[in-house]
């Protein structure tokens, strides 16, 4: 394929612009920056505020972060946008004259401005010597003007003044022929757009560590299967009574084929074809679809569209503890509507006959990685040292062109510390659902068993998480109760000790008063009789304490005398 080359102008930083050499070849686009041309005004290079990416317009960071850009309609639109913005910015670097457009001002501009002539006119009026030099230079290819290709011509101040004066002197008139529209050509053919799920979307996922089915490393290594791969296949292959010949007959199969043949739109596929494959869905509050996952955190760099599966299964919000829902909201609650299912781990992407199988696979890869991240966060919640295994707990399916395919998604821990986990997608099986009734039974069996198996894995993770939260809450209440009880015991002990000390102090004061009175009387008697004085306070106090039936408590005065 012959390579086409274009030149674009893009912003390099807040001070310069650069010319980009664009090479389009082999259905890919490559940007090659060329040397800087001129200074650029800082006012027009302010950093844009990051907005929420939408399906119709991807932010520039999406394209800047891709390791390879494929030639898609969105890539071409982004190229046109950058070219237009660069042209507008370059045009704004030439300020318009603020001088009023008077006759005198126009005359001065005519005198000072240099006339602009065409190349042919210049060659016709130039001298023979100049013309000879031009011809000699042209024989060798001429000067290299590739850096100026596509660069806008600086506006002339005289032309600006003349145009502004002419436009202000005439009132705007609308021609009657301008309202007529040209009939579109009937020979044109259009291809259906892939929307946001194009090749560049897949490249963004791959750069962010989300790998599709069949991915191989640059060295040829294939990502390993999940550790519970055999267990999943064994559980999904179990026969179901609802699909036995007695309950799903040939008439039911013909109804399915008829519904599939009449479903020409994606909405008809999800409402008339998929319900026959699903059978009894059980709790209707555990299924939803067609709602963008606006509440989930970005899986990679957050520069592309949100997840929006056609059908997904999750748990009722009230099944999971509210504290867990609040803390893991960005990983397990897809939407801001609180009544929708949480922690989804079973997804389906359906396409009509005119849809794209590649788009369905990319959607399944993206949705499966979102579900795998949510299940991993739910299973490891509340663990100090969470053990991340390589089991799969998420299943995603696609239905396209009468074919059903099912995949598993599981995370693996990053090899580099601080980086994000990686997610791998592996195909379980595929079935042509309209081929024969046995093939339909096999595919529907896998689908229904996979939905029930995903529900079982989801319920186990929720139950264990709730038990950990309840156990932690019970332990916290027990610790709080023991602390409260210990505090009450300490306060009671302090109050009893204070009461005892106060009682003893009062009793001691009474004893000291009585002893001092007796001692004073005996000392007086002894002094009058001329006998030596004897201290009777200890014996009197001991006799009084024995009469009370309490052990003798030495008073402060007695201790001083003994010393």
Protein backbone atom coordinates (compact mmCIF):
# COMPACT_ATOMS: atom_id res chain seq x y z
CA UNK A 1 0.00 0.00 0.00
CA UNK A 2 1.37 3.36 -0.97
CA UNK A 3 2.01 5.71 1.92
CA UNK A 4 0.32 9.10 1.94
CA UNK A 5 1.96 12.03 3.66
CA UNK A 6 0.34 15.05 5.22
CA UNK A 7 1.57 17.91 7.32
CA UNK A 8 -0.23 19.07 10.43
CA UNK A 9 0.34 21.84 12.95
CA UNK A 10 -0.03 20.95 16.61
CA UNK A 11 0.84 22.49 19.95
CA UNK A 12 4.03 21.29 21.58
CA UNK A 13 4.00 23.24 24.82
CA UNK A 14 2.92 26.63 26.15
CA UNK A 15 5.49 28.49 24.07
CA UNK A 16 6.02 26.78 20.74
CA UNK A 17 4.14 25.08 17.96
CA UNK A 18 5.48 22.32 15.77
CA UNK A 19 4.81 20.95 12.32
CA UNK A 20 3.95 17.24 12.42
CA UNK A 21 4.82 14.99 9.48
CA UNK A 22 1.85 12.61 9.19
CA UNK A 23 2.39 9.30 7.49
CA UNK A 24 -0.60 7.14 6.60
CA UNK A 25 0.32 3.65 5.50
CA UNK A 26 -0.87 0.10 6.12
CA UNK A 27 -4.03 1.35 7.86
CA UNK A 28 -2.05 3.13 10.57
CA UNK A 29 -1.22 6.71 11.40
CA UNK A 30 2.16 7.91 12.63
CA UNK A 31 3.02 11.38 13.90
CA UNK A 32 6.58 12.65 13.34
CA UNK A 33 7.38 16.07 14.80
CA UNK A 34 9.50 18.35 12.61
CA UNK A 35 11.73 21.21 13.81
CA UNK A 36 10.14 24.13 15.60
CA UNK A 37 9.01 27.00 13.44
CA UNK A 38 8.11 29.97 15.56
CA UNK A 39 7.22 31.16 19.01
CA UNK A 40 3.64 30.92 20.04
CA UNK A 41 1.60 33.04 22.37
CA UNK A 42 1.30 31.65 25.87
CA UNK A 43 -2.29 32.84 26.13
CA UNK A 44 -3.52 30.27 23.60
CA UNK A 45 -1.75 27.29 25.13
CA UNK A 46 -3.31 27.13 28.58
CA UNK A 47 -3.94 23.65 29.88
CA UNK A 48 -7.48 22.52 29.20
CA UNK A 49 -9.61 21.28 32.06
CA UNK A 50 -10.12 17.55 32.00
CA UNK A 51 -13.70 16.76 31.06
CA UNK A 52 -15.61 13.53 31.27
CA UNK A 53 -15.03 11.58 28.05
CA UNK A 54 -18.08 11.00 25.94
CA UNK A 55 -18.80 8.55 23.17
CA UNK A 56 -18.70 11.19 20.43
CA UNK A 57 -15.56 13.12 21.35
CA UNK A 58 -12.50 11.55 22.94
CA UNK A 59 -10.05 13.82 24.77
CA UNK A 60 -6.66 14.52 23.18
CA UNK A 61 -4.95 12.56 25.95
CA UNK A 62 -6.56 9.38 24.60
CA UNK A 63 -4.67 9.74 21.32
CA UNK A 64 -1.45 11.01 22.91
CA UNK A 65 -1.24 7.96 25.23
CA UNK A 66 -1.71 5.34 22.52
CA UNK A 67 1.38 3.40 21.53
CA UNK A 68 -0.05 2.96 18.01
CA UNK A 69 -2.85 4.85 16.25
CA UNK A 70 -4.97 2.94 13.73
CA UNK A 71 -6.54 4.62 10.73
CA UNK A 72 -10.18 5.03 11.85
CA UNK A 73 -12.83 7.65 11.31
CA UNK A 74 -12.36 8.97 14.81
CA UNK A 75 -8.62 9.27 14.27
CA UNK A 76 -9.21 11.27 11.09
CA UNK A 77 -11.69 13.51 12.88
CA UNK A 78 -9.14 14.12 15.60
CA UNK A 79 -6.57 14.97 12.93
CA UNK A 80 -8.98 17.45 11.32
CA UNK A 81 -9.69 18.98 14.71
CA UNK A 82 -6.01 19.48 15.45
CA UNK A 83 -5.36 20.94 12.00
CA UNK A 84 -8.23 23.38 12.39
CA UNK A 85 -7.14 24.37 15.87
CA UNK A 86 -3.57 24.90 14.73
CA UNK A 87 -4.71 27.04 11.81
CA UNK A 88 -6.90 29.14 14.09
CA UNK A 89 -4.11 29.57 16.61
CA UNK A 90 -1.64 30.56 13.90
CA UNK A 91 -4.12 33.07 12.52
CA UNK A 92 -4.61 34.60 15.94
CA UNK A 93 -0.91 35.28 16.29
CA UNK A 94 -1.31 38.10 13.79
CA UNK A 95 -3.22 40.83 15.62
CA UNK A 96 -5.71 42.89 13.73
CA UNK A 97 -5.18 46.60 13.39
CA UNK A 98 -7.11 48.65 15.93
CA UNK A 99 -6.81 51.86 13.89
CA UNK A 100 -10.19 53.19 12.70
CA UNK A 101 -10.89 52.57 9.01
CA UNK A 102 -10.87 56.17 7.81
CA UNK A 103 -9.93 57.35 4.31
CA UNK A 104 -6.66 58.73 5.57
CA UNK A 105 -5.80 55.47 7.30
CA UNK A 106 -6.58 53.45 4.18
CA UNK A 107 -4.39 55.75 2.07
CA UNK A 108 -1.49 55.29 4.47
CA UNK A 109 -1.92 51.52 4.40
CA UNK A 110 -1.83 51.53 0.61
CA UNK A 111 1.42 53.49 0.58
CA UNK A 112 3.14 51.34 3.24
CA UNK A 113 1.91 47.91 2.10
CA UNK A 114 3.77 45.91 -0.52
CA UNK A 115 1.77 44.66 -3.50
CA UNK A 116 1.18 40.91 -3.65
CA UNK A 117 1.59 39.38 -7.10
CA UNK A 118 1.24 35.87 -8.43
CA UNK A 119 4.19 33.66 -9.32
CA UNK A 120 3.34 33.74 -13.03
CA UNK A 121 3.19 37.55 -13.06
CA UNK A 122 6.49 37.77 -11.22
CA UNK A 123 8.23 35.46 -13.70
CA UNK A 124 6.82 37.41 -16.64
CA UNK A 125 8.10 40.80 -15.41
CA UNK A 126 11.40 39.74 -13.81
CA UNK A 127 14.69 40.31 -15.58
CA UNK A 128 16.56 37.73 -17.63
CA UNK A 129 19.26 37.33 -14.99
CA UNK A 130 16.74 36.61 -12.23
CA UNK A 131 14.83 34.24 -14.47
CA UNK A 132 18.05 32.36 -15.35
CA UNK A 133 18.89 31.88 -11.69
CA UNK A 134 15.37 30.60 -10.95
CA UNK A 135 15.56 28.06 -13.77
CA UNK A 136 18.99 26.86 -12.62
CA UNK A 137 17.71 26.40 -9.09
CA UNK A 138 14.59 24.57 -10.31
CA UNK A 139 16.71 22.01 -12.20
CA UNK A 140 18.06 20.77 -8.86
CA UNK A 141 14.62 20.49 -7.27
CA UNK A 142 14.33 23.99 -5.92
CA UNK A 143 14.42 25.00 -2.25
CA UNK A 144 13.03 22.67 0.42
CA UNK A 145 9.71 24.26 1.37
CA UNK A 146 8.19 21.19 3.08
CA UNK A 147 8.29 22.93 6.46
CA UNK A 148 5.93 25.60 5.14
CA UNK A 149 3.42 23.27 3.51
CA UNK A 150 -0.05 24.01 4.84
CA UNK A 151 1.16 27.07 6.75
CA UNK A 152 -1.43 29.89 6.47
CA UNK A 153 -0.51 33.09 4.68
CA UNK A 154 -0.25 36.02 7.10
CA UNK A 155 -3.25 38.31 6.62
CA UNK A 156 -2.57 41.67 5.07
CA UNK A 157 -3.56 44.69 7.20
CA UNK A 158 -4.86 46.43 4.08
CA UNK A 159 -7.14 43.52 3.19
CA UNK A 160 -8.43 43.37 6.76
CA UNK A 161 -9.27 47.06 6.71
CA UNK A 162 -10.93 46.87 3.30
CA UNK A 163 -12.98 43.81 4.24
CA UNK A 164 -14.12 45.29 7.52
CA UNK A 165 -15.13 48.58 5.91
CA UNK A 166 -17.02 46.81 3.14
CA UNK A 167 -18.80 44.46 5.50
CA UNK A 168 -19.87 47.33 7.78
CA UNK A 169 -21.27 49.37 4.88
CA UNK A 170 -23.50 46.55 3.66
CA UNK A 171 -26.39 45.01 5.52
CA UNK A 172 -26.42 41.25 5.58
CA UNK A 173 -28.73 39.86 2.92
CA UNK A 174 -29.86 36.29 2.67
CA UNK A 175 -30.20 34.88 -0.78
CA UNK A 176 -33.27 32.92 -1.63
CA UNK A 177 -31.16 30.26 -3.26
CA UNK A 178 -29.17 29.61 -0.11
CA UNK A 179 -32.05 27.77 1.49
CA UNK A 180 -32.18 25.19 -1.22
CA UNK A 181 -30.31 22.02 -0.47
CA UNK A 182 -28.64 19.72 -2.91
CA UNK A 183 -30.00 16.23 -3.18
CA UNK A 184 -27.67 13.56 -1.88
CA UNK A 185 -26.28 11.12 -4.34
CA UNK A 186 -27.99 7.76 -4.39
CA UNK A 187 -24.78 5.97 -5.39
CA UNK A 188 -22.96 6.55 -2.09
CA UNK A 189 -22.51 3.65 0.30
CA UNK A 190 -21.82 4.03 4.00
CA UNK A 191 -20.25 1.64 6.49
CA UNK A 192 -21.55 1.27 10.00
CA UNK A 193 -19.49 3.07 12.60
CA UNK A 194 -17.87 1.08 15.37
CA UNK A 195 -18.52 3.88 17.84
CA UNK A 196 -16.06 4.22 20.69
CA UNK A 197 -15.16 0.51 20.59
CA UNK A 198 -12.74 0.69 17.66
CA UNK A 199 -9.15 -0.52 17.26
CA UNK A 200 -7.77 2.44 19.16
CA UNK A 201 -10.08 1.56 22.05
CA UNK A 202 -8.60 -1.92 22.11
CA UNK A 203 -5.09 -0.46 21.91
CA UNK A 204 -5.84 1.71 24.95
CA UNK A 205 -6.98 -1.37 26.86
CA UNK A 206 -3.87 -3.29 25.88
CA UNK A 207 -1.61 -0.40 26.90
CA UNK A 208 -3.45 -0.33 30.25
CA UNK A 209 -2.96 -4.05 30.95
CA UNK A 210 -6.37 -5.34 29.78
CA UNK A 211 -5.67 -8.10 27.27
CA UNK A 212 -8.23 -9.61 24.86
CA UNK A 213 -8.74 -13.25 24.05
CA UNK A 214 -5.83 -14.69 22.05
CA UNK A 215 -3.33 -12.03 23.10
CA UNK A 216 0.34 -12.95 22.99
CA UNK A 217 3.28 -11.14 24.54
CA UNK A 218 5.92 -9.64 22.23
CA UNK A 219 8.09 -12.66 22.99
CA UNK A 220 5.30 -15.04 21.97
CA UNK A 221 4.17 -16.10 25.44
CA UNK A 222 0.44 -16.68 26.02
CA UNK A 223 -1.14 -15.53 29.30
CA UNK A 224 -1.96 -18.46 31.58
CA UNK A 225 -5.48 -19.77 32.03
CA UNK A 226 -7.24 -19.18 35.35
CA UNK A 227 -6.45 -21.73 38.03
CA UNK A 228 -10.10 -22.87 38.26
CA UNK A 229 -10.48 -23.33 34.49
CA UNK A 230 -11.36 -27.03 34.72
CA UNK A 231 -13.77 -26.42 37.57
CA UNK A 232 -15.62 -23.75 35.58
CA UNK A 233 -16.00 -25.96 32.51
CA UNK A 234 -17.13 -28.89 34.64
CA UNK A 235 -19.82 -26.83 36.37
CA UNK A 236 -21.03 -25.14 33.19
CA UNK A 237 -21.41 -28.45 31.32
CA UNK A 238 -23.88 -29.93 33.83
CA UNK A 239 -27.23 -30.80 32.16
CA UNK A 240 -30.25 -28.69 32.94
CA UNK A 241 -33.76 -30.14 33.21
CA UNK A 242 -35.24 -27.02 31.59
CA UNK A 243 -33.48 -27.90 28.32
CA UNK A 244 -34.39 -31.59 28.24
CA UNK A 245 -36.32 -32.88 25.20
CA UNK A 246 -39.50 -33.05 27.23
CA UNK A 247 -39.38 -29.36 28.17
CA UNK A 248 -37.57 -27.82 25.18
CA UNK A 249 -38.99 -29.44 22.07
CA UNK A 250 -38.44 -28.94 18.38
CA UNK A 251 -41.31 -26.46 18.30
CA UNK A 252 -39.52 -24.28 20.84
CA UNK A 253 -36.37 -24.42 18.77
CA UNK A 254 -38.26 -23.37 15.63
CA UNK A 255 -39.69 -20.41 17.55
CA UNK A 256 -36.17 -19.40 18.49
CA UNK A 257 -34.96 -19.59 14.89
CA UNK A 258 -37.94 -17.54 13.74
CA UNK A 259 -37.34 -14.86 16.37
CA UNK A 260 -33.66 -14.68 15.43
CA UNK A 261 -34.45 -14.37 11.72
CA UNK A 262 -36.86 -11.47 12.35
CA UNK A 263 -34.53 -9.57 14.71
CA UNK A 264 -32.93 -6.96 12.47
CA UNK A 265 -32.06 -4.47 15.22
CA UNK A 266 -30.00 -4.82 18.36
CA UNK A 267 -32.99 -3.99 20.56
CA UNK A 268 -34.99 -6.81 18.96
CA UNK A 269 -32.16 -9.25 19.62
CA UNK A 270 -32.04 -8.41 23.32
CA UNK A 271 -35.83 -8.49 23.76
CA UNK A 272 -36.92 -11.45 21.61
CA UNK A 273 -33.89 -13.71 21.04
CA UNK A 274 -31.81 -13.52 24.22
CA UNK A 275 -34.75 -14.28 26.59
CA UNK A 276 -35.18 -17.70 24.95
CA UNK A 277 -31.52 -18.49 25.62
CA UNK A 278 -31.71 -17.20 29.18
CA UNK A 279 -34.85 -19.03 30.25
CA UNK A 280 -36.00 -18.29 33.80
CA UNK A 281 -33.81 -15.47 35.12
CA UNK A 282 -34.98 -15.83 38.73
CA UNK A 283 -34.86 -12.56 40.65
CA UNK A 284 -35.56 -9.72 38.22
CA UNK A 285 -33.93 -7.20 40.56
CA UNK A 286 -30.56 -8.85 40.00
CA UNK A 287 -30.47 -8.09 36.25
CA UNK A 288 -30.16 -4.83 34.37
CA UNK A 289 -28.59 -3.45 31.22
CA UNK A 290 -28.35 -0.58 28.79
CA UNK A 291 -27.19 1.78 31.56
CA UNK A 292 -23.72 3.38 31.37
CA UNK A 293 -21.36 2.55 34.23
CA UNK A 294 -20.96 6.18 35.29
CA UNK A 295 -20.00 5.42 38.89
CA UNK A 296 -17.06 3.07 38.32
CA UNK A 297 -13.49 4.33 38.48
CA UNK A 298 -11.54 4.31 35.19
CA UNK A 299 -9.95 1.01 34.36
CA UNK A 300 -6.96 2.49 32.51
CA UNK A 301 -6.35 6.23 32.01
CA UNK A 302 -10.02 7.28 31.94
CA UNK A 303 -9.90 8.76 28.43
CA UNK A 304 -12.45 6.60 26.66
CA UNK A 305 -16.13 5.70 26.88
CA UNK A 306 -17.80 4.08 29.87
CA UNK A 307 -18.85 0.48 30.13
CA UNK A 308 -22.40 -0.18 28.94
CA UNK A 309 -23.28 -3.87 28.62
CA UNK A 310 -26.59 -4.88 27.11
CA UNK A 311 -27.31 -7.24 30.02
CA UNK A 312 -25.51 -7.72 33.31
CA UNK A 313 -26.26 -9.67 36.50
CA UNK A 314 -25.35 -8.60 40.01
CA UNK A 315 -26.57 -8.70 43.60
CA UNK A 316 -29.26 -6.69 45.30
CA UNK A 317 -27.79 -3.65 47.04
CA UNK A 318 -29.23 -4.68 50.41
CA UNK A 319 -27.37 -8.00 50.29
CA UNK A 320 -24.07 -6.23 50.87
CA UNK A 321 -23.25 -4.25 53.99
CA UNK A 322 -23.69 -0.52 53.47
CA UNK A 323 -20.23 0.23 54.85
CA UNK A 324 -18.69 -2.00 52.20
CA UNK A 325 -20.80 -0.43 49.48
CA UNK A 326 -19.64 3.02 50.51
CA UNK A 327 -15.95 2.10 50.60
CA UNK A 328 -15.92 0.03 47.39
CA UNK A 329 -18.40 2.18 45.50
CA UNK A 330 -16.04 2.93 42.61
CA UNK A 331 -15.36 -0.77 42.00
CA UNK A 332 -18.65 -2.59 42.59
CA UNK A 333 -21.52 -0.08 42.10
CA UNK A 334 -21.88 0.58 38.36
CA UNK A 335 -24.49 3.34 38.45
CA UNK A 336 -25.49 6.15 40.76
CA UNK A 337 -28.98 4.65 40.95
CA UNK A 338 -28.99 2.89 44.29
CA UNK A 339 -31.62 0.29 43.38
CA UNK A 340 -29.65 -1.29 40.52
CA UNK A 341 -27.58 -4.49 40.97
CA UNK A 342 -24.13 -4.20 42.54
CA UNK A 343 -20.95 -6.26 42.09
CA UNK A 344 -21.87 -7.52 38.60
CA UNK A 345 -19.86 -10.49 37.32
CA UNK A 346 -21.93 -11.81 34.39
CA UNK A 347 -22.25 -9.74 31.21
CA UNK A 348 -23.69 -10.03 27.73
CA UNK A 349 -23.08 -7.93 24.61
CA UNK A 350 -25.54 -8.57 21.77
CA UNK A 351 -25.32 -7.36 18.17
CA UNK A 352 -27.77 -7.36 15.28
CA UNK A 353 -26.86 -8.92 11.90
CA UNK A 354 -25.37 -5.62 10.72
CA UNK A 355 -23.32 -5.18 13.88
CA UNK A 356 -19.63 -5.82 14.38
CA UNK A 357 -18.30 -8.95 16.03
CA UNK A 358 -15.05 -7.14 16.82
CA UNK A 359 -16.97 -4.45 18.71
CA UNK A 360 -18.83 -7.11 20.72
CA UNK A 361 -15.53 -8.77 21.68
CA UNK A 362 -14.06 -5.45 22.81
CA UNK A 363 -17.13 -4.73 24.88
CA UNK A 364 -16.95 -8.17 26.48
CA UNK A 365 -13.24 -7.69 27.22
CA UNK A 366 -13.88 -4.31 28.83
CA UNK A 367 -16.96 -5.36 30.81
CA UNK A 368 -15.30 -8.57 31.98
CA UNK A 369 -12.28 -6.66 33.29
CA UNK A 370 -14.56 -4.28 35.20
CA UNK A 371 -16.36 -7.21 36.78
CA UNK A 372 -13.10 -9.00 37.61
CA UNK A 373 -11.76 -5.90 39.33
CA UNK A 374 -14.94 -5.57 41.39
CA UNK A 375 -14.89 -9.22 42.48
CA UNK A 376 -11.22 -8.99 43.44
CA UNK A 377 -11.87 -5.89 45.55
CA UNK A 378 -14.89 -7.54 47.18
CA UNK A 379 -13.08 -10.78 48.02
CA UNK A 380 -10.02 -9.01 49.47
CA UNK A 381 -11.99 -6.44 51.49
CA UNK A 382 -11.04 -6.25 55.17
CA UNK A 383 -7.98 -8.49 54.87
CA UNK A 384 -4.66 -7.22 56.16
CA UNK A 385 -2.71 -9.41 53.75
CA UNK A 386 -5.10 -10.31 50.93
CA UNK A 387 -4.15 -13.38 48.93
CA UNK A 388 -4.70 -12.64 45.25
CA UNK A 389 -5.14 -15.88 43.35
CA UNK A 390 -5.49 -16.26 39.62
CA UNK A 391 -8.98 -17.76 39.71
CA UNK A 392 -11.73 -16.41 37.49
CA UNK A 393 -15.01 -15.29 39.04
CA UNK A 394 -16.39 -13.30 36.09
CA UNK A 395 -17.99 -14.45 32.82
CA UNK A 396 -18.82 -12.32 29.78
CA UNK A 397 -20.71 -13.44 26.67
CA UNK A 398 -21.41 -12.13 23.19
CA UNK A 399 -24.20 -13.00 20.76
CA UNK A 400 -23.58 -12.06 17.16
CA UNK A 401 -24.76 -13.51 13.83
CA UNK A 402 -26.58 -16.42 15.54
CA UNK A 403 -23.42 -17.37 17.44
CA UNK A 404 -22.96 -17.43 21.20
CA UNK A 405 -19.46 -17.16 22.71
CA UNK A 406 -18.50 -17.11 26.38
CA UNK A 407 -15.32 -15.88 28.06
CA UNK A 408 -13.74 -15.71 31.50
CA UNK A 409 -11.89 -12.70 32.92
CA UNK A 410 -9.47 -12.82 35.82
CA UNK A 411 -6.85 -10.46 37.28
CA UNK A 412 -3.16 -11.05 37.80
CA UNK A 413 -1.01 -8.99 40.10
CA UNK A 414 1.46 -6.59 38.49
CA UNK A 415 5.10 -7.49 38.35
CA UNK A 416 6.20 -3.92 39.06
CA UNK A 417 5.24 -2.45 42.45
CA UNK A 418 2.84 0.46 42.28
CA UNK A 419 1.38 -0.44 38.88
CA UNK A 420 -2.16 -1.58 38.14
CA UNK A 421 -3.25 -5.24 38.03
CA UNK A 422 -3.57 -6.88 34.63
CA UNK A 423 -6.71 -8.58 33.33
CA UNK A 424 -6.84 -11.53 30.95
CA UNK A 425 -9.71 -12.84 28.83
CA UNK A 426 -10.06 -16.48 27.71
CA UNK A 427 -12.77 -18.08 25.60
CA UNK A 428 -14.72 -20.93 27.18
CA UNK A 429 -16.55 -22.12 24.09
CA UNK A 430 -18.74 -21.07 21.16
CA UNK A 431 -21.95 -22.39 19.59
CA UNK A 432 -23.96 -21.80 16.43
CA UNK A 433 -27.32 -21.41 18.12
CA UNK A 434 -29.46 -21.88 15.00
CA UNK A 435 -27.53 -24.85 13.61
CA UNK A 436 -29.48 -27.63 15.31
CA UNK A 437 -31.34 -28.22 18.52
CA UNK A 438 -28.47 -30.09 20.21
CA UNK A 439 -26.06 -27.22 19.61
CA UNK A 440 -28.65 -24.83 21.02
CA UNK A 441 -29.06 -26.98 24.12
CA UNK A 442 -25.30 -27.03 24.68
CA UNK A 443 -24.93 -23.28 24.31
CA UNK A 444 -27.98 -22.47 26.44
CA UNK A 445 -26.79 -24.95 29.08
CA UNK A 446 -23.42 -23.24 29.35
CA UNK A 447 -25.05 -19.82 29.43
CA UNK A 448 -27.59 -20.63 32.15
CA UNK A 449 -25.12 -22.61 34.24
CA UNK A 450 -22.58 -19.81 33.85
CA UNK A 451 -25.10 -17.28 35.10
CA UNK A 452 -25.93 -19.46 38.12
CA UNK A 453 -22.25 -20.17 38.78
CA UNK A 454 -21.44 -16.45 38.70
CA UNK A 455 -24.30 -15.82 41.12
CA UNK A 456 -22.91 -18.47 43.47
CA UNK A 457 -19.41 -16.95 43.39
CA UNK A 458 -20.85 -13.50 43.96
CA UNK A 459 -22.96 -14.70 46.91
CA UNK A 460 -19.94 -16.39 48.53
CA UNK A 461 -17.83 -13.26 48.26
CA UNK A 462 -20.62 -11.10 49.69
CA UNK A 463 -21.29 -13.50 52.58
CA UNK A 464 -17.61 -13.67 53.58
CA UNK A 465 -17.24 -9.92 53.33
CA UNK A 466 -20.31 -9.35 55.50
CA UNK A 467 -18.99 -11.86 58.06
CA UNK A 468 -15.67 -10.06 58.25
CA UNK A 469 -17.41 -6.74 58.69
CA UNK A 470 -19.76 -8.15 61.36
CA UNK A 471 -16.87 -9.83 63.17
CA UNK A 472 -14.88 -6.65 63.16
CA UNK A 473 -17.92 -4.73 64.37
CA UNK A 474 -18.57 -7.28 67.16
CA UNK A 475 -14.95 -7.17 68.27
CA UNK A 476 -15.08 -3.40 68.32
CA UNK A 477 -18.22 -3.42 70.47
CA UNK A 478 -16.63 -5.93 72.87
CA UNK A 479 -13.53 -3.78 73.26
CA UNK A 480 -15.64 -0.70 73.82
CA UNK A 481 -17.74 -2.53 76.44
CA UNK A 482 -14.65 -3.77 78.30
CA UNK A 483 -13.17 -0.29 78.29
CA UNK A 484 -16.43 1.15 79.61
CA UNK A 485 -16.66 -1.52 82.33
CA UNK A 486 -13.06 -0.97 83.40
CA UNK A 487 -13.67 2.74 83.59
CA UNK A 488 -16.76 2.21 85.80
CA UNK A 489 -14.83 -0.10 88.15
CA UNK A 490 -12.05 2.43 88.46
CA UNK A 491 -14.48 5.21 89.27
CA UNK A 492 -16.28 3.07 91.89
CA UNK A 493 -12.99 2.09 93.51
CA UNK A 494 -11.90 5.69 93.65
CA UNK A 495 -15.15 6.78 95.30
CA UNK A 496 -14.97 3.96 97.96
CA UNK A 497 -11.38 4.80 98.79
CA UNK A 498 -12.25 8.45 99.23
CA UNK A 499 -15.17 7.57 101.55
CA UNK A 500 -13.01 5.26 103.72
CA UNK A 501 -10.25 7.82 104.06
CA UNK A 502 -12.72 10.47 105.04
CA UNK A 503 -14.37 8.17 107.61
CA UNK A 504 -11.05 7.17 109.13
CA UNK A 505 -9.95 10.75 109.31
CA UNK A 506 -13.09 11.73 111.19
CA UNK A 507 -12.68 8.83 113.63
CA UNK A 508 -9.03 9.67 114.20
CA UNK A 509 -9.91 13.22 114.96
CA UNK A 510 -12.44 12.05 117.59
CA UNK A 511 -9.93 9.62 119.16
CA UNK A 512 -7.25 12.28 119.31
CA UNK A 513 -9.60 14.63 121.07
CA UNK A 514 -10.62 12.03 123.67
CA UNK A 515 -7.03 10.91 124.26
CA UNK A 516 -5.78 14.38 124.67
CA UNK A 517 -8.46 15.09 127.29
CA UNK A 518 -7.66 11.95 129.33
CA UNK A 519 -3.95 12.55 129.12
CA UNK A 520 -4.29 16.09 130.33
CA UNK A 521 -6.41 14.98 133.36
CA UNK A 522 -3.97 12.20 134.37
CA UNK A 523 -0.96 14.43 134.03
CA UNK A 524 -2.60 16.96 136.30
CA UNK A 525 -3.39 14.31 138.92
CA UNK A 526 0.10 12.92 138.80
CA UNK A 527 1.67 16.27 139.16
CA UNK A 528 -0.45 17.03 142.24
CA UNK A 529 0.49 13.69 143.89
CA UNK A 530 4.18 13.93 143.02
CA UNK A 531 4.22 10.60 141.08
CA UNK A 532 5.91 10.29 137.73
CA UNK A 533 3.57 10.79 134.82
CA UNK A 534 2.67 7.81 132.66
CA UNK A 535 1.33 7.97 129.11
CA UNK A 536 -2.01 6.17 129.18
CA UNK A 537 -3.14 7.17 125.73
CA UNK A 538 -2.02 4.01 124.01
CA UNK A 539 -3.70 1.69 126.52
CA UNK A 540 -6.86 3.73 126.63
CA UNK A 541 -7.08 3.82 122.82
CA UNK A 542 -6.42 0.06 122.54
CA UNK A 543 -9.11 -0.72 125.13
CA UNK A 544 -11.56 1.49 123.36
CA UNK A 545 -10.74 -0.09 119.98
CA UNK A 546 -11.16 -3.61 121.40
CA UNK A 547 -14.51 -2.62 122.77
CA UNK A 548 -15.53 -1.52 119.32
CA UNK A 549 -14.33 -4.83 117.84
CA UNK A 550 -11.99 -3.23 115.29
CA UNK A 551 -8.27 -3.75 114.91
CA UNK A 552 -6.13 -1.08 116.56
CA UNK A 553 -5.23 1.72 114.21
CA UNK A 554 -2.21 3.70 115.47
CA UNK A 555 -2.84 7.38 115.61
CA UNK A 556 -0.48 10.03 114.48
CA UNK A 557 0.37 11.10 118.02
CA UNK A 558 1.06 7.50 119.11
CA UNK A 559 3.43 6.92 116.24
CA UNK A 560 5.34 10.07 117.18
CA UNK A 561 5.69 8.96 120.80
CA UNK A 562 6.92 5.49 119.80
CA UNK A 563 9.58 7.04 117.70
